[in-house]
Amino acid sequence: MNHSVRVAKVPRTPHKSLRAKHSKVWQLYVLCALPVLLLLVFSYIPMVGNLIAFQDYSVRRGLASEFVGFKYFRQFFEMPIFWQIMKNTVLLSVYSIVIGFPFPILLALAFNELSHARTKKILQTVTYAPYFISTVVLVSIMMQVLHYRYGIVNSVIKSFGGQPIDFLSKKEAFRPMYVLSGIWQGAGYSSVLYFAALSGVDASLYEAATIDGATKLKRVIHIDIPCILPTIVITLILNTGSILSVGFEKVFLLQNASNYAVSEIISTYVYKIGVKDAQFSLSTAIGLFNAVVNFIILFIVNKIASKISDISLF
């Protein structure tokens, strides 16, 4: 009589299966190790320094300095300059979003309609190149172009019989200068994101629309824009989430005594009181306030976008 013996198959434990899976992609973990380390060292560990905002910080005592609670937050809110720098920061950021945000989208849509590949590449390179110009060089170019005596713009104005305008000293010209130079420098770079989204649109949609007699404008409105709408919404959420984080370098370089009333923003003020005046607790409190407000705005805008368009970051 043959007795067959059945051997029960021992299932692999989830722990071993998970370890085997990770062992196959160890190269990816190695590649991620350095970026994660840099993120920890330069982004997360420095967050411990936010404690300074709640202390009467002394360099000698370090983080063991006396705890004073919200003293420096109240000091910032009670400053006569508080509303001025808040207004300047918000207006500069809102103008940049309202005026500058549509330009990369329009640029990407225009590039997408170009049929000549070589022309498209040349124009993309021309519009993309200004992004690599440093802020210092950009401001130097602006100063040369808008100079009161020998600038190109004032030379053209004088050639038509007009009076030269001192753009760099007029406070009314500061915000337009900041916004327009930002569009010139960043529109081409930002358009790459939308152009990449447009490249993923199904070609059969264009063919069907052409057969139905749709014009180029109708194809853009009914095919291109709906396809890149998720990218537009996400980008808009991220931009509004940094509404108080206006870039420091260009504002500081364009700032002078004549336009100080409209050019003093949170980042330049923090630099002056933190680096120049060594008021570390106050500058840290302002920076923390800035970050918290940005996070709250990001959360609110993300919630609104989620309800209106079902598109959100989280």
Protein backbone atom coordinates (compact mmCIF):
# COMPACT_ATOMS: atom_id res chain seq x y z
CA MET A 1 0.00 0.00 0.00
CA ASN A 2 1.38 3.38 -1.01
CA HIS A 3 1.00 6.05 1.54
CA SER A 4 1.29 9.48 0.02
CA VAL A 5 2.48 12.12 2.33
CA ARG A 6 1.34 15.64 1.72
CA VAL A 7 3.72 18.36 2.71
CA ALA A 8 1.98 21.52 3.66
CA LYS A 9 3.27 24.54 1.84
CA VAL A 10 4.59 27.04 4.32
CA PRO A 11 3.50 30.52 3.33
CA ARG A 12 6.14 33.20 3.19
CA THR A 13 5.88 35.65 6.00
CA PRO A 14 5.02 39.21 5.07
CA HIS A 15 8.24 40.36 6.70
CA LYS A 16 10.41 38.20 4.46
CA SER A 17 8.39 39.12 1.36
CA LEU A 18 8.73 42.81 2.10
CA ARG A 19 12.45 42.47 2.74
CA ALA A 20 12.91 40.61 -0.56
CA LYS A 21 11.00 43.31 -2.41
CA HIS A 22 13.13 46.09 -0.93
CA SER A 23 16.35 44.21 -1.61
CA LYS A 24 15.60 44.29 -5.34
CA VAL A 25 15.39 48.08 -5.47
CA TRP A 26 18.20 48.97 -3.08
CA GLN A 27 19.76 51.17 -5.77
CA LEU A 28 16.75 53.50 -5.58
CA TYR A 29 17.18 53.86 -1.84
CA VAL A 30 20.82 54.73 -2.35
CA LEU A 31 19.85 57.43 -4.85
CA CYS A 32 17.26 58.85 -2.45
CA ALA A 33 19.61 58.80 0.54
CA LEU A 34 21.47 62.04 -0.25
CA PRO A 35 18.37 64.17 -1.09
CA VAL A 36 16.63 62.91 2.06
CA LEU A 37 19.73 63.71 4.12
CA LEU A 38 19.94 67.21 2.65
CA LEU A 39 16.23 67.71 3.36
CA LEU A 40 16.71 66.67 6.97
CA VAL A 41 19.83 68.77 7.52
CA PHE A 42 18.68 71.97 5.79
CA SER A 43 14.87 71.87 6.17
CA TYR A 44 13.77 69.87 9.20
CA ILE A 45 16.55 70.09 11.77
CA PRO A 46 16.67 73.92 11.49
CA MET A 47 13.00 73.98 12.57
CA VAL A 48 14.28 73.56 16.11
CA GLY A 49 15.49 77.14 15.77
CA ASN A 50 11.85 78.32 15.80
CA LEU A 51 12.08 78.08 19.57
CA ILE A 52 14.03 81.34 19.43
CA ALA A 53 10.78 83.12 18.55
CA PHE A 54 9.45 82.29 22.02
CA GLN A 55 12.65 83.17 23.90
CA ASP A 56 14.60 86.25 24.82
CA TYR A 57 17.45 84.75 22.82
CA SER A 58 21.03 85.19 23.92
CA VAL A 59 23.92 83.88 21.84
CA ARG A 60 25.76 82.96 25.02
CA ARG A 61 22.91 80.87 26.45
CA GLY A 62 21.62 79.47 23.15
CA LEU A 63 18.34 77.54 23.25
CA ALA A 64 18.48 77.68 27.05
CA SER A 65 17.56 81.39 26.88
CA GLU A 66 14.67 82.75 28.93
CA PHE A 67 11.20 81.77 27.67
CA VAL A 68 9.01 84.85 27.01
CA GLY A 69 6.04 83.33 25.17
CA PHE A 70 4.44 85.48 22.47
CA LYS A 71 6.25 88.67 23.45
CA TYR A 72 7.96 89.19 20.09
CA PHE A 73 4.86 88.30 18.09
CA ARG A 74 2.94 91.02 19.96
CA GLN A 75 5.85 93.40 19.41
CA PHE A 76 5.68 92.80 15.66
CA PHE A 77 1.89 93.26 15.52
CA GLU A 78 2.10 96.51 17.48
CA MET A 79 4.80 98.05 15.28
CA PRO A 80 3.69 101.13 13.27
CA ILE A 81 5.29 99.58 10.18
CA PHE A 82 3.37 96.28 10.51
CA TRP A 83 0.44 97.12 8.23
CA GLN A 84 2.69 98.84 5.71
CA ILE A 85 4.98 95.84 5.15
CA MET A 86 2.00 93.46 5.15
CA LYS A 87 0.24 95.57 2.53
CA ASN A 88 3.40 95.83 0.40
CA THR A 89 4.07 92.09 0.60
CA VAL A 90 0.51 91.04 -0.22
CA LEU A 91 0.07 93.54 -3.07
CA LEU A 92 3.39 92.61 -4.67
CA SER A 93 2.52 88.91 -4.48
CA VAL A 94 -1.07 89.34 -5.69
CA TYR A 95 0.04 91.48 -8.64
CA SER A 96 2.61 88.85 -9.57
CA ILE A 97 -0.02 86.08 -9.48
CA VAL A 98 -2.86 87.96 -11.21
CA ILE A 99 -0.72 89.48 -13.96
CA GLY A 100 2.07 86.93 -14.25
CA PHE A 101 0.26 83.63 -13.76
CA PRO A 102 -1.57 83.51 -17.15
CA PHE A 103 1.55 84.27 -19.24
CA PRO A 104 3.20 80.81 -19.02
CA ILE A 105 -0.14 79.18 -19.89
CA LEU A 106 -0.62 81.40 -22.94
CA LEU A 107 2.99 80.82 -23.96
CA ALA A 108 2.61 77.04 -23.73
CA LEU A 109 -0.64 77.13 -25.72
CA ALA A 110 1.04 79.25 -28.40
CA PHE A 111 4.03 76.88 -28.63
CA ASN A 112 1.68 73.92 -28.87
CA GLU A 113 0.05 75.41 -31.97
CA LEU A 114 3.34 75.86 -33.81
CA SER A 115 3.75 73.20 -36.49
CA HIS A 116 7.37 73.97 -37.43
CA ALA A 117 9.52 72.02 -34.97
CA ARG A 118 12.71 74.06 -35.47
CA THR A 119 10.92 77.38 -34.95
CA LYS A 120 9.26 75.99 -31.84
CA LYS A 121 12.61 74.92 -30.33
CA ILE A 122 14.25 78.27 -31.08
CA LEU A 123 11.40 80.24 -29.49
CA GLN A 124 11.35 77.95 -26.46
CA THR A 125 15.08 78.45 -25.97
CA VAL A 126 14.78 82.24 -26.31
CA THR A 127 11.98 82.46 -23.74
CA TYR A 128 13.59 79.90 -21.41
CA ALA A 129 17.06 81.53 -21.37
CA PRO A 130 16.25 84.54 -19.08
CA TYR A 131 15.52 82.15 -16.22
CA PHE A 132 19.25 81.41 -15.93
CA ILE A 133 20.16 85.06 -15.44
CA SER A 134 20.99 85.77 -11.81
CA THR A 135 18.91 88.31 -9.92
CA VAL A 136 21.89 90.63 -9.55
CA VAL A 137 22.49 90.65 -13.31
CA LEU A 138 18.76 91.11 -13.98
CA VAL A 139 18.58 94.17 -11.72
CA SER A 140 21.76 95.55 -13.32
CA ILE A 141 20.14 95.22 -16.76
CA MET A 142 17.02 96.98 -15.48
CA MET A 143 19.10 99.82 -14.07
CA GLN A 144 20.90 100.27 -17.39
CA VAL A 145 17.74 100.12 -19.48
CA LEU A 146 15.70 102.42 -17.21
CA HIS A 147 18.49 104.84 -16.27
CA TYR A 148 17.32 108.46 -16.07
CA ARG A 149 20.02 109.91 -18.36
CA TYR A 150 21.33 107.25 -20.72
CA GLY A 151 18.78 104.41 -20.42
CA ILE A 152 17.24 103.03 -23.62
CA VAL A 153 13.68 103.69 -22.46
CA ASN A 154 14.32 107.34 -21.63
CA SER A 155 16.28 107.78 -24.87
CA VAL A 156 13.19 106.67 -26.78
CA ILE A 157 10.97 108.97 -24.69
CA LYS A 158 13.28 111.96 -25.38
CA SER A 159 13.40 111.13 -29.10
CA PHE A 160 9.62 111.63 -29.22
CA GLY A 161 9.93 114.96 -27.41
CA GLY A 162 8.97 113.73 -23.94
CA GLN A 163 10.63 114.30 -20.60
CA PRO A 164 12.80 111.52 -19.12
CA ILE A 165 11.32 109.61 -16.19
CA ASP A 166 13.32 108.44 -13.19
CA PHE A 167 11.72 104.98 -13.02
CA LEU A 168 14.10 103.66 -10.36
CA SER A 169 13.17 106.43 -7.90
CA LYS A 170 9.43 106.66 -8.57
CA LYS A 171 7.53 104.57 -6.05
CA GLU A 172 4.64 104.21 -8.51
CA ALA A 173 6.97 102.37 -10.91
CA PHE A 174 8.36 99.87 -8.38
CA ARG A 175 5.59 97.27 -8.52
CA PRO A 176 5.24 97.30 -12.34
CA MET A 177 9.03 96.94 -12.64
CA TYR A 178 9.06 94.00 -10.24
CA VAL A 179 6.13 92.18 -11.85
CA LEU A 180 7.08 92.74 -15.50
CA SER A 181 10.71 91.74 -14.96
CA GLY A 182 9.49 88.62 -13.18
CA ILE A 183 7.28 87.72 -16.14
CA TRP A 184 10.15 88.22 -18.58
CA GLN A 185 12.48 86.08 -16.50
CA GLY A 186 10.16 83.27 -15.43
CA ALA A 187 7.39 82.88 -18.01
CA GLY A 188 9.43 80.68 -20.36
CA TYR A 189 10.60 78.40 -17.57
CA SER A 190 7.10 78.02 -16.10
CA SER A 191 5.61 77.31 -19.53
CA VAL A 192 7.63 74.09 -19.77
CA LEU A 193 5.36 72.49 -17.17
CA TYR A 194 2.21 73.30 -19.15
CA PHE A 195 3.81 72.37 -22.46
CA ALA A 196 4.71 68.96 -21.00
CA ALA A 197 1.07 68.51 -19.95
CA LEU A 198 -0.09 69.47 -23.45
CA SER A 199 2.23 66.91 -25.03
CA GLY A 200 0.25 64.20 -23.26
CA VAL A 201 -3.07 65.14 -24.88
CA ASP A 202 -4.49 62.38 -27.07
CA ALA A 203 -3.98 63.27 -30.75
CA SER A 204 -7.30 61.61 -31.65
CA LEU A 205 -9.11 64.46 -29.85
CA TYR A 206 -7.60 66.98 -32.26
CA GLU A 207 -8.42 64.80 -35.26
CA ALA A 208 -12.05 64.42 -34.19
CA ALA A 209 -12.36 68.16 -33.52
CA THR A 210 -10.86 69.00 -36.94
CA ILE A 211 -13.29 66.64 -38.69
CA ASP A 212 -16.16 68.34 -36.86
CA GLY A 213 -14.95 71.69 -38.19
CA ALA A 214 -13.55 73.14 -34.94
CA THR A 215 -11.24 76.12 -35.35
CA LYS A 216 -7.86 76.40 -33.58
CA LEU A 217 -9.40 78.66 -30.94
CA LYS A 218 -12.18 76.16 -30.22
CA ARG A 219 -9.63 73.32 -29.99
CA VAL A 220 -7.66 75.32 -27.45
CA ILE A 221 -10.75 76.16 -25.39
CA HIS A 222 -12.41 72.72 -25.47
CA ILE A 223 -9.39 70.39 -25.60
CA ASP A 224 -6.14 72.02 -24.47
CA ILE A 225 -7.36 74.02 -21.47
CA PRO A 226 -9.48 71.20 -19.94
CA CYS A 227 -6.54 68.78 -20.32
CA ILE A 228 -4.07 71.06 -18.52
CA LEU A 229 -6.61 72.31 -15.97
CA PRO A 230 -5.32 70.02 -13.16
CA THR A 231 -1.80 71.38 -13.69
CA ILE A 232 -3.12 74.96 -13.67
CA VAL A 233 -5.06 74.44 -10.44
CA ILE A 234 -2.17 72.75 -8.61
CA THR A 235 0.25 75.49 -9.68
CA LEU A 236 -2.19 78.19 -8.60
CA ILE A 237 -2.61 76.55 -5.19
CA LEU A 238 1.17 76.44 -4.68
CA ASN A 239 1.56 80.07 -5.77
CA THR A 240 -1.15 81.34 -3.43
CA GLY A 241 0.32 79.22 -0.64
CA SER A 242 3.46 81.35 -0.76
CA ILE A 243 1.71 84.70 -0.96
CA LEU A 244 3.79 86.22 1.85
CA SER A 245 7.06 84.72 0.63
CA VAL A 246 7.98 87.37 -1.91
CA GLY A 247 11.54 86.99 -3.17
CA PHE A 248 14.08 88.97 -1.17
CA GLU A 249 16.93 89.57 -3.62
CA LYS A 250 15.24 91.59 -6.36
CA VAL A 251 13.23 93.72 -3.95
CA PHE A 252 16.30 94.49 -1.85
CA LEU A 253 18.40 95.42 -4.90
CA LEU A 254 15.70 97.70 -6.35
CA GLN A 255 14.95 99.29 -2.99
CA ASN A 256 16.04 102.87 -2.28
CA ALA A 257 14.98 105.79 -0.11
CA SER A 258 12.53 107.07 -2.71
CA ASN A 259 10.51 103.86 -3.10
CA TYR A 260 10.92 102.55 0.47
CA ALA A 261 7.23 103.17 1.28
CA VAL A 262 6.14 100.54 -1.28
CA SER A 263 9.20 98.29 -1.41
CA GLU A 264 9.67 97.35 2.25
CA ILE A 265 8.32 93.79 2.59
CA ILE A 266 8.53 91.06 5.22
CA SER A 267 11.69 89.42 3.88
CA THR A 268 13.67 92.68 3.59
CA TYR A 269 12.51 93.79 7.03
CA VAL A 270 13.52 90.46 8.58
CA TYR A 271 16.96 90.79 6.97
CA LYS A 272 17.48 94.26 8.41
CA ILE A 273 16.44 93.50 11.97
CA GLY A 274 17.86 89.97 12.03
CA VAL A 275 21.21 90.35 10.28
CA LYS A 276 21.98 94.04 10.66
CA ASP A 277 20.44 94.72 14.09
CA ALA A 278 20.94 91.19 15.51
CA GLN A 279 17.37 91.01 16.86
CA PHE A 280 17.22 87.25 16.45
CA SER A 281 14.07 86.56 18.48
CA LEU A 282 12.01 89.22 16.70
CA SER A 283 13.18 88.20 13.22
CA THR A 284 12.48 84.52 13.98
CA ALA A 285 9.01 85.39 15.26
CA ILE A 286 8.23 87.29 12.04
CA GLY A 287 9.53 84.43 9.92
CA LEU A 288 7.43 81.90 11.86
CA PHE A 289 4.36 84.11 11.53
CA ASN A 290 5.01 84.30 7.79
CA ALA A 291 5.23 80.51 7.47
CA VAL A 292 2.07 79.88 9.51
CA VAL A 293 0.02 82.37 7.47
CA ASN A 294 1.26 80.82 4.23
CA PHE A 295 0.25 77.35 5.45
CA ILE A 296 -3.23 78.56 6.45
CA ILE A 297 -3.74 80.24 3.06
CA LEU A 298 -2.50 77.09 1.29
CA PHE A 299 -4.94 74.94 3.26
CA ILE A 300 -7.90 77.28 2.56
CA VAL A 301 -7.18 77.62 -1.17
CA ASN A 302 -6.64 73.87 -1.47
CA LYS A 303 -10.02 73.27 0.22
CA ILE A 304 -11.78 75.73 -2.08
CA ALA A 305 -10.16 74.18 -5.18
CA SER A 306 -11.17 70.71 -4.00
CA LYS A 307 -14.82 71.73 -3.69
CA ILE A 308 -14.98 73.67 -6.94
CA SER A 309 -12.94 71.48 -9.29
CA ASP A 310 -12.26 68.23 -7.37
CA ILE A 311 -8.54 68.96 -7.83
CA SER A 312 -6.35 69.42 -4.77
CA LEU A 313 -2.94 68.78 -3.27
CA PHE A 314 -4.27 66.69 -0.39
